[in-house]
Amino acid sequence: MRRFKAAVAQMDFEGGDIKKNLKKAIGLIEKAAGEGAELVCLPEYLPTGMVSDRSDELSESIPGESTELLGEAAEQNGVFVVFSMAEKFDGDLYNTAVLLGPGGDIIGKHRKMHRFLEEKEFVTPGRDYTVVDTDLGKLGLMVCYDAVFPELSRNLALLGAEVLLIPSNWPDPFGSQWDLATSARAFDNQVWVIAANRIGASEEYTYFGGSRIVEPTGKAAVSTGGEEGVTVGTVNPAITEGFKGTINFLEDRREDYTL
């Protein structure tokens, strides 16, 4: 892993208005790149928002029109971009995180494993772990509610992930749990966490933002409020190396106690 600047991008969605939401997201990517970011993390369910009653109608294939347009933005700005979207594949619907490289190509994707409340009615759970080796470092993909479950992040760390990327639509009134889960997953595995949350409201929920970049110690290097926009922070491998040089959790874990 090398030192780099990352941006968490917060935005509200116009439910089902793909064109409007993509235009806003592309503007945030451009702004983040202009502030020196090499990686931009956007929220979950881009570009449709959480629209469970229209999920079949609004879902897309991957690759598809939305990944193509966001890929063009990634290429034009020379940045990595991560977000999640409703993916239609082989008759099933998935909530899928997509990682785009600075060349605009899809370099990784992760289908959300843990379905939140009504997602159980229309989302098929994923089964695969995704770690992508890039020139920034090894990036592990998760989506929102996945962050509650330590097994997923631990398996990503065991597969070599140095940074966890978490596009999210984490709703009120669970702000303290958001802070706890993102900090805990960073600390558990001594990795960086870059987690972008939505703002605004859907038919079901309101969203508080609070996007974060968390150090391997669990300390927030970046913690935002509830406004739309981008916030840039630095991912510094020296912090990882210093912490692991003092104590290394993965080396000290007792595999003989693992179920």
C-alpha atoms as a PDB file:
ATOM      1  CA  MET A   1       0.000   0.000   0.000  1.00  0.00           C
ATOM      2  CA  ARG A   2       1.153   3.530  -0.729  1.00  0.00           C
ATOM      3  CA  ARG A   3       0.115   6.910   0.596  1.00  0.00           C
ATOM      4  CA  PHE A   4      -2.838   8.419  -1.281  1.00  0.00           C
ATOM      5  CA  LYS A   5      -5.707  10.855  -0.926  1.00  0.00           C
ATOM      6  CA  ALA A   6      -9.246   9.482  -0.840  1.00  0.00           C
ATOM      7  CA  ALA A   7     -12.596  11.245  -0.912  1.00  0.00           C
ATOM      8  CA  VAL A   8     -15.916  10.312   0.654  1.00  0.00           C
ATOM      9  CA  ALA A   9     -18.752  11.806  -1.410  1.00  0.00           C
ATOM     10  CA  GLN A  10     -22.150  12.386   0.171  1.00  0.00           C
ATOM     11  CA  MET A  11     -25.273  12.994  -1.874  1.00  0.00           C
ATOM     12  CA  ASP A  12     -29.044  12.823  -1.800  1.00  0.00           C
ATOM     13  CA  PHE A  13     -30.842  10.835  -4.497  1.00  0.00           C
ATOM     14  CA  GLU A  14     -33.905  11.611  -6.559  1.00  0.00           C
ATOM     15  CA  GLY A  15     -35.632   8.234  -6.297  1.00  0.00           C
ATOM     16  CA  GLY A  16     -35.509   6.502  -9.659  1.00  0.00           C
ATOM     17  CA  ASP A  17     -34.117   9.497 -11.587  1.00  0.00           C
ATOM     18  CA  ILE A  18     -30.997   7.820 -12.958  1.00  0.00           C
ATOM     19  CA  LYS A  19     -29.978  10.691 -15.243  1.00  0.00           C
ATOM     20  CA  LYS A  20     -30.154  13.304 -12.473  1.00  0.00           C
ATOM     21  CA  ASN A  21     -28.393  11.139  -9.909  1.00  0.00           C
ATOM     22  CA  LEU A  22     -25.560  10.238 -12.278  1.00  0.00           C
ATOM     23  CA  LYS A  23     -25.050  13.876 -13.203  1.00  0.00           C
ATOM     24  CA  LYS A  24     -24.704  14.776  -9.530  1.00  0.00           C
ATOM     25  CA  ALA A  25     -22.361  11.864  -8.849  1.00  0.00           C
ATOM     26  CA  ILE A  26     -20.134  12.813 -11.784  1.00  0.00           C
ATOM     27  CA  GLY A  27     -19.947  16.365 -10.445  1.00  0.00           C
ATOM     28  CA  LEU A  28     -18.802  15.030  -7.075  1.00  0.00           C
ATOM     29  CA  ILE A  29     -16.156  12.859  -8.757  1.00  0.00           C
ATOM     30  CA  GLU A  30     -14.844  15.902 -10.622  1.00  0.00           C
ATOM     31  CA  LYS A  31     -14.767  17.956  -7.423  1.00  0.00           C
ATOM     32  CA  ALA A  32     -12.937  15.231  -5.502  1.00  0.00           C
ATOM     33  CA  ALA A  33     -10.350  14.835  -8.246  1.00  0.00           C
ATOM     34  CA  GLY A  34      -9.874  18.599  -8.283  1.00  0.00           C
ATOM     35  CA  GLU A  35      -8.998  18.406  -4.590  1.00  0.00           C
ATOM     36  CA  GLY A  36      -6.342  15.775  -5.235  1.00  0.00           C
ATOM     37  CA  ALA A  37      -8.247  12.582  -4.479  1.00  0.00           C
ATOM     38  CA  GLU A  38      -7.122   9.416  -6.246  1.00  0.00           C
ATOM     39  CA  LEU A  39     -10.076   7.358  -5.011  1.00  0.00           C
ATOM     40  CA  VAL A  40     -13.710   8.453  -4.604  1.00  0.00           C
ATOM     41  CA  CYS A  41     -16.207   6.469  -2.533  1.00  0.00           C
ATOM     42  CA  LEU A  42     -19.875   7.207  -3.321  1.00  0.00           C
ATOM     43  CA  PRO A  43     -22.967   5.917  -1.478  1.00  0.00           C
ATOM     44  CA  GLU A  44     -25.000   2.743  -1.898  1.00  0.00           C
ATOM     45  CA  TYR A  45     -27.806   2.343  -4.467  1.00  0.00           C
ATOM     46  CA  LEU A  46     -26.374   4.808  -6.952  1.00  0.00           C
ATOM     47  CA  PRO A  47     -27.889   5.796  -9.365  1.00  0.00           C
ATOM     48  CA  THR A  48     -31.482   4.959  -8.347  1.00  0.00           C
ATOM     49  CA  GLY A  49     -31.700   5.363  -4.594  1.00  0.00           C
ATOM     50  CA  MET A  50     -33.444   2.781  -2.434  1.00  0.00           C
ATOM     51  CA  VAL A  51     -36.609   2.064  -4.450  1.00  0.00           C
ATOM     52  CA  SER A  52     -37.660  -1.427  -3.446  1.00  0.00           C
ATOM     53  CA  ASP A  53     -41.025  -1.294  -5.247  1.00  0.00           C
ATOM     54  CA  ARG A  54     -39.305  -0.370  -8.554  1.00  0.00           C
ATOM     55  CA  SER A  55     -36.133  -2.384  -8.151  1.00  0.00           C
ATOM     56  CA  ASP A  56     -36.842  -4.779 -11.006  1.00  0.00           C
ATOM     57  CA  GLU A  57     -37.682  -1.929 -13.376  1.00  0.00           C
ATOM     58  CA  LEU A  58     -34.652   0.223 -12.466  1.00  0.00           C
ATOM     59  CA  SER A  59     -31.943  -2.421 -12.075  1.00  0.00           C
ATOM     60  CA  GLU A  60     -29.210  -2.690 -14.711  1.00  0.00           C
ATOM     61  CA  SER A  61     -26.681  -5.141 -15.950  1.00  0.00           C
ATOM     62  CA  ILE A  62     -23.001  -4.743 -15.059  1.00  0.00           C
ATOM     63  CA  PRO A  63     -21.440  -3.560 -17.292  1.00  0.00           C
ATOM     64  CA  GLY A  64     -24.235  -1.285 -18.441  1.00  0.00           C
ATOM     65  CA  GLU A  65     -25.154   2.322 -19.087  1.00  0.00           C
ATOM     66  CA  SER A  66     -24.475   3.574 -15.552  1.00  0.00           C
ATOM     67  CA  THR A  67     -21.111   1.852 -15.179  1.00  0.00           C
ATOM     68  CA  GLU A  68     -20.145   3.169 -18.613  1.00  0.00           C
ATOM     69  CA  LEU A  69     -20.962   6.792 -17.714  1.00  0.00           C
ATOM     70  CA  LEU A  70     -19.270   6.592 -14.323  1.00  0.00           C
ATOM     71  CA  GLY A  71     -16.347   4.798 -15.940  1.00  0.00           C
ATOM     72  CA  GLU A  72     -15.949   7.727 -18.333  1.00  0.00           C
ATOM     73  CA  ALA A  73     -15.884  10.080 -15.337  1.00  0.00           C
ATOM     74  CA  ALA A  74     -13.284   7.902 -13.609  1.00  0.00           C
ATOM     75  CA  GLU A  75     -11.113   7.906 -16.737  1.00  0.00           C
ATOM     76  CA  GLN A  76     -11.476  11.626 -17.447  1.00  0.00           C
ATOM     77  CA  ASN A  77     -10.467  12.431 -13.872  1.00  0.00           C
ATOM     78  CA  GLY A  78      -7.894   9.655 -13.444  1.00  0.00           C
ATOM     79  CA  VAL A  79      -9.441   8.287 -10.227  1.00  0.00           C
ATOM     80  CA  PHE A  80     -10.706   5.056  -8.742  1.00  0.00           C
ATOM     81  CA  VAL A  81     -14.470   5.182  -8.103  1.00  0.00           C
ATOM     82  CA  VAL A  82     -16.535   2.853  -5.904  1.00  0.00           C
ATOM     83  CA  PHE A  83     -20.319   2.791  -5.411  1.00  0.00           C
ATOM     84  CA  SER A  84     -23.129   0.251  -5.225  1.00  0.00           C
ATOM     85  CA  MET A  85     -26.108  -0.229  -7.519  1.00  0.00           C
ATOM     86  CA  ALA A  86     -29.064  -2.520  -8.209  1.00  0.00           C
ATOM     87  CA  GLU A  87     -27.744  -5.211 -10.562  1.00  0.00           C
ATOM     88  CA  LYS A  88     -29.963  -7.515 -12.612  1.00  0.00           C
ATOM     89  CA  PHE A  89     -28.232 -10.782 -13.471  1.00  0.00           C
ATOM     90  CA  ASP A  90     -29.714 -14.024 -14.747  1.00  0.00           C
ATOM     91  CA  GLY A  91     -33.182 -13.140 -13.427  1.00  0.00           C
ATOM     92  CA  ASP A  92     -31.988 -12.169  -9.940  1.00  0.00           C
ATOM     93  CA  LEU A  93     -31.462  -8.768  -8.350  1.00  0.00           C
ATOM     94  CA  TYR A  94     -28.285  -7.972  -6.408  1.00  0.00           C
ATOM     95  CA  ASN A  95     -27.043  -4.938  -4.510  1.00  0.00           C
ATOM     96  CA  THR A  96     -23.585  -4.786  -6.019  1.00  0.00           C
ATOM     97  CA  ALA A  97     -20.544  -2.662  -5.190  1.00  0.00           C
ATOM     98  CA  VAL A  98     -18.572  -1.731  -8.298  1.00  0.00           C
ATOM     99  CA  LEU A  99     -14.946  -0.595  -8.305  1.00  0.00           C
ATOM    100  CA  LEU A 100     -13.849   1.348 -11.378  1.00  0.00           C
ATOM    101  CA  GLY A 101     -10.197   1.926 -12.163  1.00  0.00           C
ATOM    102  CA  PRO A 102      -8.693   5.226 -13.346  1.00  0.00           C
ATOM    103  CA  GLY A 103      -8.806   3.837 -16.877  1.00  0.00           C
ATOM    104  CA  GLY A 104     -12.596   3.640 -16.571  1.00  0.00           C
ATOM    105  CA  ASP A 105     -12.799  -0.156 -16.546  1.00  0.00           C
ATOM    106  CA  ILE A 106     -14.564  -2.341 -13.988  1.00  0.00           C
ATOM    107  CA  ILE A 107     -11.803  -3.885 -11.886  1.00  0.00           C
ATOM    108  CA  GLY A 108     -13.902  -5.436  -9.126  1.00  0.00           C
ATOM    109  CA  LYS A 109     -17.411  -5.992  -7.816  1.00  0.00           C
ATOM    110  CA  HIS A 110     -19.002  -7.387  -4.655  1.00  0.00           C
ATOM    111  CA  ARG A 111     -22.598  -8.488  -4.238  1.00  0.00           C
ATOM    112  CA  LYS A 112     -23.865  -7.462  -0.805  1.00  0.00           C
ATOM    113  CA  MET A 113     -23.984 -10.506   1.462  1.00  0.00           C
ATOM    114  CA  HIS A 114     -26.142  -9.219   4.324  1.00  0.00           C
ATOM    115  CA  ARG A 115     -29.574  -7.896   3.375  1.00  0.00           C
ATOM    116  CA  PHE A 116     -31.066  -5.125   5.493  1.00  0.00           C
ATOM    117  CA  LEU A 117     -34.739  -5.510   6.506  1.00  0.00           C
ATOM    118  CA  GLU A 118     -36.899  -5.223   3.343  1.00  0.00           C
ATOM    119  CA  GLU A 119     -33.943  -6.089   1.093  1.00  0.00           C
ATOM    120  CA  LYS A 120     -34.699  -9.690   2.062  1.00  0.00           C
ATOM    121  CA  GLU A 121     -37.844  -9.405  -0.059  1.00  0.00           C
ATOM    122  CA  PHE A 122     -36.140  -8.504  -3.330  1.00  0.00           C
ATOM    123  CA  VAL A 123     -32.320  -8.775  -3.126  1.00  0.00           C
ATOM    124  CA  THR A 124     -30.430 -12.011  -3.675  1.00  0.00           C
ATOM    125  CA  PRO A 125     -27.449 -12.261  -1.276  1.00  0.00           C
ATOM    126  CA  GLY A 126     -23.929 -12.472  -2.656  1.00  0.00           C
ATOM    127  CA  ARG A 127     -21.455 -15.181  -1.700  1.00  0.00           C
ATOM    128  CA  ASP A 128     -18.014 -14.029  -2.870  1.00  0.00           C
ATOM    129  CA  TYR A 129     -15.208 -12.079  -1.212  1.00  0.00           C
ATOM    130  CA  THR A 130     -13.577  -9.398  -3.333  1.00  0.00           C
ATOM    131  CA  VAL A 131     -10.069  -7.996  -2.834  1.00  0.00           C
ATOM    132  CA  VAL A 132      -8.567  -6.038  -5.727  1.00  0.00           C
ATOM    133  CA  ASP A 133      -4.823  -5.491  -6.000  1.00  0.00           C
ATOM    134  CA  THR A 134      -4.210  -1.925  -7.245  1.00  0.00           C
ATOM    135  CA  ASP A 135      -1.329   0.517  -7.258  1.00  0.00           C
ATOM    136  CA  LEU A 136      -2.941   2.167  -4.204  1.00  0.00           C
ATOM    137  CA  GLY A 137      -2.941  -1.093  -2.289  1.00  0.00           C
ATOM    138  CA  LYS A 138      -5.220  -4.091  -1.829  1.00  0.00           C
ATOM    139  CA  LEU A 139      -8.829  -2.883  -1.695  1.00  0.00           C
ATOM    140  CA  GLY A 140     -11.609  -4.978  -0.149  1.00  0.00           C
ATOM    141  CA  LEU A 141     -15.253  -4.357  -1.064  1.00  0.00           C
ATOM    142  CA  MET A 142     -18.265  -4.365   1.260  1.00  0.00           C
ATOM    143  CA  VAL A 143     -21.728  -2.737   1.202  1.00  0.00           C
ATOM    144  CA  CYS A 144     -23.439  -0.934   4.110  1.00  0.00           C
ATOM    145  CA  TYR A 145     -25.000  -3.604   6.408  1.00  0.00           C
ATOM    146  CA  ASP A 146     -22.065  -5.920   5.641  1.00  0.00           C
ATOM    147  CA  ALA A 147     -20.102  -3.743   8.094  1.00  0.00           C
ATOM    148  CA  VAL A 148     -22.105  -5.124  11.038  1.00  0.00           C
ATOM    149  CA  PHE A 149     -20.690  -8.604  10.513  1.00  0.00           C
ATOM    150  CA  PRO A 150     -17.035  -9.008  11.526  1.00  0.00           C
ATOM    151  CA  GLU A 151     -16.580 -12.294   9.663  1.00  0.00           C
ATOM    152  CA  LEU A 152     -16.704 -10.611   6.264  1.00  0.00           C
ATOM    153  CA  SER A 153     -14.119  -7.956   7.037  1.00  0.00           C
ATOM    154  CA  ARG A 154     -11.870 -10.519   8.730  1.00  0.00           C
ATOM    155  CA  ASN A 155     -11.968 -12.772   5.687  1.00  0.00           C
ATOM    156  CA  LEU A 156     -11.130  -9.809   3.454  1.00  0.00           C
ATOM    157  CA  ALA A 157      -8.177  -9.000   5.734  1.00  0.00           C
ATOM    158  CA  LEU A 158      -7.026 -12.617   5.588  1.00  0.00           C
ATOM    159  CA  LEU A 159      -7.157 -12.330   1.805  1.00  0.00           C
ATOM    160  CA  GLY A 160      -4.798  -9.364   2.060  1.00  0.00           C
ATOM    161  CA  ALA A 161      -7.103  -6.324   2.098  1.00  0.00           C
ATOM    162  CA  GLU A 162      -5.398  -3.195   3.418  1.00  0.00           C
ATOM    163  CA  VAL A 163      -8.335  -0.841   2.819  1.00  0.00           C
ATOM    164  CA  LEU A 164     -12.063  -1.613   3.097  1.00  0.00           C
ATOM    165  CA  LEU A 165     -14.415   0.382   0.854  1.00  0.00           C
ATOM    166  CA  ILE A 166     -18.022   0.626   2.082  1.00  0.00           C
ATOM    167  CA  PRO A 167     -20.683   2.438   0.000  1.00  0.00           C
ATOM    168  CA  SER A 168     -23.700   2.859   2.292  1.00  0.00           C
ATOM    169  CA  ASN A 169     -27.283   4.018   2.833  1.00  0.00           C
ATOM    170  CA  TRP A 170     -27.096   3.849   6.656  1.00  0.00           C
ATOM    171  CA  PRO A 171     -30.292   5.386   8.075  1.00  0.00           C
ATOM    172  CA  ASP A 172     -31.418   7.237  11.166  1.00  0.00           C
ATOM    173  CA  PRO A 173     -31.493   6.629  14.075  1.00  0.00           C
ATOM    174  CA  PHE A 174     -28.344   4.501  13.870  1.00  0.00           C
ATOM    175  CA  GLY A 175     -25.587   7.127  13.731  1.00  0.00           C
ATOM    176  CA  SER A 176     -23.691   5.855  16.760  1.00  0.00           C
ATOM    177  CA  GLN A 177     -23.847   2.298  15.399  1.00  0.00           C
ATOM    178  CA  TRP A 178     -22.430   3.528  12.080  1.00  0.00           C
ATOM    179  CA  ASP A 179     -19.465   5.076  13.862  1.00  0.00           C
ATOM    180  CA  LEU A 180     -19.003   1.956  15.970  1.00  0.00           C
ATOM    181  CA  ALA A 181     -19.202  -0.530  13.083  1.00  0.00           C
ATOM    182  CA  THR A 182     -16.831   1.349  10.783  1.00  0.00           C
ATOM    183  CA  SER A 183     -14.301   1.959  13.559  1.00  0.00           C
ATOM    184  CA  ALA A 184     -14.551  -1.611  14.826  1.00  0.00           C
ATOM    185  CA  ARG A 185     -13.970  -3.166  11.405  1.00  0.00           C
ATOM    186  CA  ALA A 186     -10.898  -0.968  10.943  1.00  0.00           C
ATOM    187  CA  PHE A 187      -9.533  -1.799  14.404  1.00  0.00           C
ATOM    188  CA  ASP A 188     -10.415  -5.520  14.298  1.00  0.00           C
ATOM    189  CA  ASN A 189      -8.280  -6.014  11.226  1.00  0.00           C
ATOM    190  CA  GLN A 190      -5.811  -3.112  11.438  1.00  0.00           C
ATOM    191  CA  VAL A 191      -6.959  -1.805   8.062  1.00  0.00           C
ATOM    192  CA  TRP A 192      -8.215   1.512   6.708  1.00  0.00           C
ATOM    193  CA  VAL A 193     -11.953   1.960   6.190  1.00  0.00           C
ATOM    194  CA  ILE A 194     -13.377   4.384   3.626  1.00  0.00           C
ATOM    195  CA  ALA A 195     -17.157   4.558   4.056  1.00  0.00           C
ATOM    196  CA  ALA A 196     -19.494   6.947   2.217  1.00  0.00           C
ATOM    197  CA  ASN A 197     -23.054   7.382   3.454  1.00  0.00           C
ATOM    198  CA  ARG A 198     -26.116   8.924   1.869  1.00  0.00           C
ATOM    199  CA  ILE A 199     -27.909  12.083   3.024  1.00  0.00           C
ATOM    200  CA  GLY A 200     -31.553  13.084   2.505  1.00  0.00           C
ATOM    201  CA  ALA A 201     -34.575  10.787   2.574  1.00  0.00           C
ATOM    202  CA  SER A 202     -36.253   7.929   0.740  1.00  0.00           C
ATOM    203  CA  GLU A 203     -39.818   6.757   1.208  1.00  0.00           C
ATOM    204  CA  GLU A 204     -38.675   4.458   4.017  1.00  0.00           C
ATOM    205  CA  TYR A 205     -35.790   6.261   5.741  1.00  0.00           C
ATOM    206  CA  THR A 206     -33.860   9.423   6.426  1.00  0.00           C
ATOM    207  CA  TYR A 207     -30.069   9.453   6.132  1.00  0.00           C
ATOM    208  CA  PHE A 208     -27.575  11.418   8.202  1.00  0.00           C
ATOM    209  CA  GLY A 209     -24.367  11.294   6.155  1.00  0.00           C
ATOM    210  CA  GLY A 210     -21.455  11.129   8.559  1.00  0.00           C
ATOM    211  CA  SER A 211     -19.130   9.588   5.961  1.00  0.00           C
ATOM    212  CA  ARG A 212     -15.790   8.501   7.386  1.00  0.00           C
ATOM    213  CA  ILE A 213     -12.203   7.568   6.666  1.00  0.00           C
ATOM    214  CA  VAL A 214     -10.984   5.489   9.608  1.00  0.00           C
ATOM    215  CA  GLU A 215      -7.411   4.649  10.560  1.00  0.00           C
ATOM    216  CA  PRO A 216      -6.398   1.068  11.490  1.00  0.00           C
ATOM    217  CA  THR A 217      -6.451   2.148  15.140  1.00  0.00           C
ATOM    218  CA  GLY A 218     -10.202   2.836  14.883  1.00  0.00           C
ATOM    219  CA  LYS A 219      -9.681   6.600  15.019  1.00  0.00           C
ATOM    220  CA  ALA A 220     -11.548   8.680  12.437  1.00  0.00           C
ATOM    221  CA  ALA A 221      -9.126  10.558  10.183  1.00  0.00           C
ATOM    222  CA  VAL A 222     -12.145  12.120   8.417  1.00  0.00           C
ATOM    223  CA  SER A 223     -15.684  12.414   9.762  1.00  0.00           C
ATOM    224  CA  THR A 224     -18.244  14.486   7.899  1.00  0.00           C
ATOM    225  CA  GLY A 225     -21.518  16.122   8.828  1.00  0.00           C
ATOM    226  CA  GLY A 226     -24.816  15.922   6.982  1.00  0.00           C
ATOM    227  CA  GLU A 227     -24.155  18.169   4.003  1.00  0.00           C
ATOM    228  CA  GLU A 228     -23.856  17.173   0.365  1.00  0.00           C
ATOM    229  CA  GLY A 229     -20.318  17.307  -0.997  1.00  0.00           C
ATOM    230  CA  VAL A 230     -16.900  15.687  -0.845  1.00  0.00           C
ATOM    231  CA  THR A 231     -14.333  15.473   1.931  1.00  0.00           C
ATOM    232  CA  VAL A 232     -10.760  14.404   1.245  1.00  0.00           C
ATOM    233  CA  GLY A 233      -8.391  12.658   3.630  1.00  0.00           C
ATOM    234  CA  THR A 234      -5.027  10.918   3.421  1.00  0.00           C
ATOM    235  CA  VAL A 235      -4.550   7.165   3.692  1.00  0.00           C
ATOM    236  CA  ASN A 236      -1.112   6.817   5.230  1.00  0.00           C
ATOM    237  CA  PRO A 237       0.548   3.377   5.317  1.00  0.00           C
ATOM    238  CA  ALA A 238       2.956   4.576   8.009  1.00  0.00           C
ATOM    239  CA  ILE A 239       0.063   4.484  10.485  1.00  0.00           C
ATOM    240  CA  THR A 240      -0.674   0.873   9.541  1.00  0.00           C
ATOM    241  CA  GLU A 241       2.971  -0.131   9.749  1.00  0.00           C
ATOM    242  CA  GLY A 242       3.505   1.607  13.080  1.00  0.00           C
ATOM    243  CA  PHE A 243       0.467  -0.034  14.678  1.00  0.00           C
ATOM    244  CA  LYS A 244       1.239  -3.506  13.332  1.00  0.00           C
ATOM    245  CA  GLY A 245       4.881  -3.074  14.304  1.00  0.00           C
ATOM    246  CA  THR A 246       3.765  -2.747  17.918  1.00  0.00           C
ATOM    247  CA  ILE A 247       1.124  -5.476  17.912  1.00  0.00           C
ATOM    248  CA  ASN A 248      -0.235  -7.568  15.051  1.00  0.00           C
ATOM    249  CA  PHE A 249      -3.728  -8.949  15.581  1.00  0.00           C
ATOM    250  CA  LEU A 250      -3.749 -11.392  12.673  1.00  0.00           C
ATOM    251  CA  GLU A 251      -0.457 -12.914  13.790  1.00  0.00           C
ATOM    252  CA  ASP A 252      -1.718 -13.242  17.377  1.00  0.00           C
ATOM    253  CA  ARG A 253      -5.139 -14.722  16.588  1.00  0.00           C
ATOM    254  CA  ARG A 254      -5.832 -18.255  17.853  1.00  0.00           C
ATOM    255  CA  GLU A 255      -6.918 -20.240  14.818  1.00  0.00           C
ATOM    256  CA  ASP A 256      -7.379 -23.352  16.996  1.00  0.00           C
ATOM    257  CA  TYR A 257     -10.321 -21.540  18.643  1.00  0.00           C
ATOM    258  CA  THR A 258     -11.968 -20.653  15.332  1.00  0.00           C
ATOM    259  CA  LEU A 259     -15.263 -22.490  14.719  1.00  0.00           C
END
